[in-house]
């Protein structure tokens, strides 16, 4: 099952809801309204109950600087958007190790 959020603030609302307790991974864009993906990752990593949740960024922002910012914010994987096979592979790998 996939839950969908329009931005980082919406994602946090879902994570704080009863249905959020079953979330096993986060896949997030970087560029979003209200709260971007970097701020979402930092916020998730700062919460003890979510700090180990696997997180994958999917984005068109792919410079070395962007990748470093994503890793620093807390993403486990930083992948190029529009390559669903890479996202699926990363999720399978991360979820298998949990």
Protein backbone atom coordinates (compact mmCIF):
# COMPACT_ATOMS: atom_id res chain seq x y z
CA UNK A 1 0.00 0.00 0.00
CA UNK A 2 1.24 3.47 -0.89
CA UNK A 3 0.20 6.63 0.94
CA UNK A 4 0.61 9.88 -0.90
CA UNK A 5 1.31 13.41 0.38
CA UNK A 6 1.32 16.71 -1.51
CA UNK A 7 4.34 18.11 0.35
CA UNK A 8 6.50 17.67 3.44
CA UNK A 9 3.95 19.13 5.84
CA UNK A 10 1.29 16.75 4.56
CA UNK A 11 3.76 13.85 4.89
CA UNK A 12 4.40 14.73 8.54
CA UNK A 13 0.66 14.84 9.19
CA UNK A 14 0.34 11.35 7.71
CA UNK A 15 3.35 10.09 9.71
CA UNK A 16 1.70 11.40 12.90
CA UNK A 17 -1.65 9.73 12.12
CA UNK A 18 -2.65 6.19 13.11
CA UNK A 19 -2.09 4.98 9.54
CA UNK A 20 1.41 6.48 9.65
CA UNK A 21 2.48 3.85 12.18
CA UNK A 22 2.61 1.25 9.40
CA UNK A 23 4.85 3.25 7.06
CA UNK A 24 8.02 1.32 6.24
CA UNK A 25 9.80 3.83 3.97
CA UNK A 26 9.56 7.36 2.60
CA UNK A 27 10.05 8.30 -1.05
CA UNK A 28 10.15 12.06 -1.47
CA UNK A 29 10.77 14.70 -4.07
CA UNK A 30 13.10 17.53 -3.05
CA UNK A 31 11.17 20.42 -4.55
CA UNK A 32 7.73 20.71 -2.95
CA UNK A 33 5.55 23.58 -1.68
CA UNK A 34 5.35 24.54 2.01
CA UNK A 35 8.03 22.07 3.21
CA UNK A 36 10.61 20.74 0.78
CA UNK A 37 12.14 17.27 0.87
CA UNK A 38 15.34 18.37 2.60
CA UNK A 39 13.41 19.86 5.51
CA UNK A 40 11.18 16.79 5.63
CA UNK A 41 14.23 14.51 5.87
CA UNK A 42 15.81 16.63 8.61
CA UNK A 43 12.55 16.62 10.58
CA UNK A 44 12.07 12.86 10.23
CA UNK A 45 15.67 12.16 11.27
CA UNK A 46 15.25 14.37 14.36
CA UNK A 47 12.34 12.27 15.63
CA UNK A 48 13.44 9.26 17.66
CA UNK A 49 10.52 7.09 16.51
CA UNK A 50 11.26 7.79 12.83
CA UNK A 51 15.02 8.29 12.78
CA UNK A 52 15.75 4.87 11.22
CA UNK A 53 12.95 4.92 8.64
CA UNK A 54 14.45 4.33 5.15
CA UNK A 55 14.24 7.47 3.02
CA UNK A 56 14.74 7.85 -0.73
CA UNK A 57 14.91 11.18 -2.56
CA UNK A 58 13.79 11.26 -6.18
CA UNK A 59 14.57 14.50 -7.95
CA UNK A 60 15.77 16.28 -11.06
CA UNK A 61 18.27 18.23 -8.93
CA UNK A 62 21.29 16.06 -9.35
CA UNK A 63 24.50 18.07 -9.00
CA UNK A 64 27.19 16.91 -6.56
CA UNK A 65 26.13 19.76 -4.28
CA UNK A 66 22.48 18.66 -4.40
CA UNK A 67 23.38 15.04 -3.66
CA UNK A 68 25.52 16.08 -0.69
CA UNK A 69 22.71 18.27 0.68
CA UNK A 70 20.29 15.34 0.38
CA UNK A 71 22.62 12.94 2.19
CA UNK A 72 23.31 15.54 4.88
CA UNK A 73 19.57 16.06 5.38
CA UNK A 74 19.16 12.34 6.02
CA UNK A 75 18.21 10.58 2.79
CA UNK A 76 19.62 7.07 2.49
CA UNK A 77 19.41 7.16 -1.30
CA UNK A 78 19.37 10.13 -3.67
CA UNK A 79 18.06 9.08 -7.08
CA UNK A 80 17.28 10.71 -10.37
CA UNK A 81 13.58 11.21 -11.03
CA UNK A 82 11.89 9.25 -13.80
CA UNK A 83 13.92 6.08 -13.18
CA UNK A 84 11.36 3.94 -11.34
CA UNK A 85 13.48 0.78 -11.58
CA UNK A 86 16.19 2.47 -9.46
CA UNK A 87 13.63 3.54 -6.86
CA UNK A 88 12.13 0.05 -6.69
CA UNK A 89 15.56 -1.53 -6.38
CA UNK A 90 16.63 0.86 -3.61
CA UNK A 91 13.42 0.23 -1.65
CA UNK A 92 13.73 -3.55 -1.98
CA UNK A 93 17.33 -3.40 -0.77
CA UNK A 94 16.57 -1.15 2.21
CA UNK A 95 13.43 -3.00 3.30
CA UNK A 96 15.12 -6.41 3.02
CA UNK A 97 17.79 -5.30 5.48
CA UNK A 98 15.22 -4.32 8.15
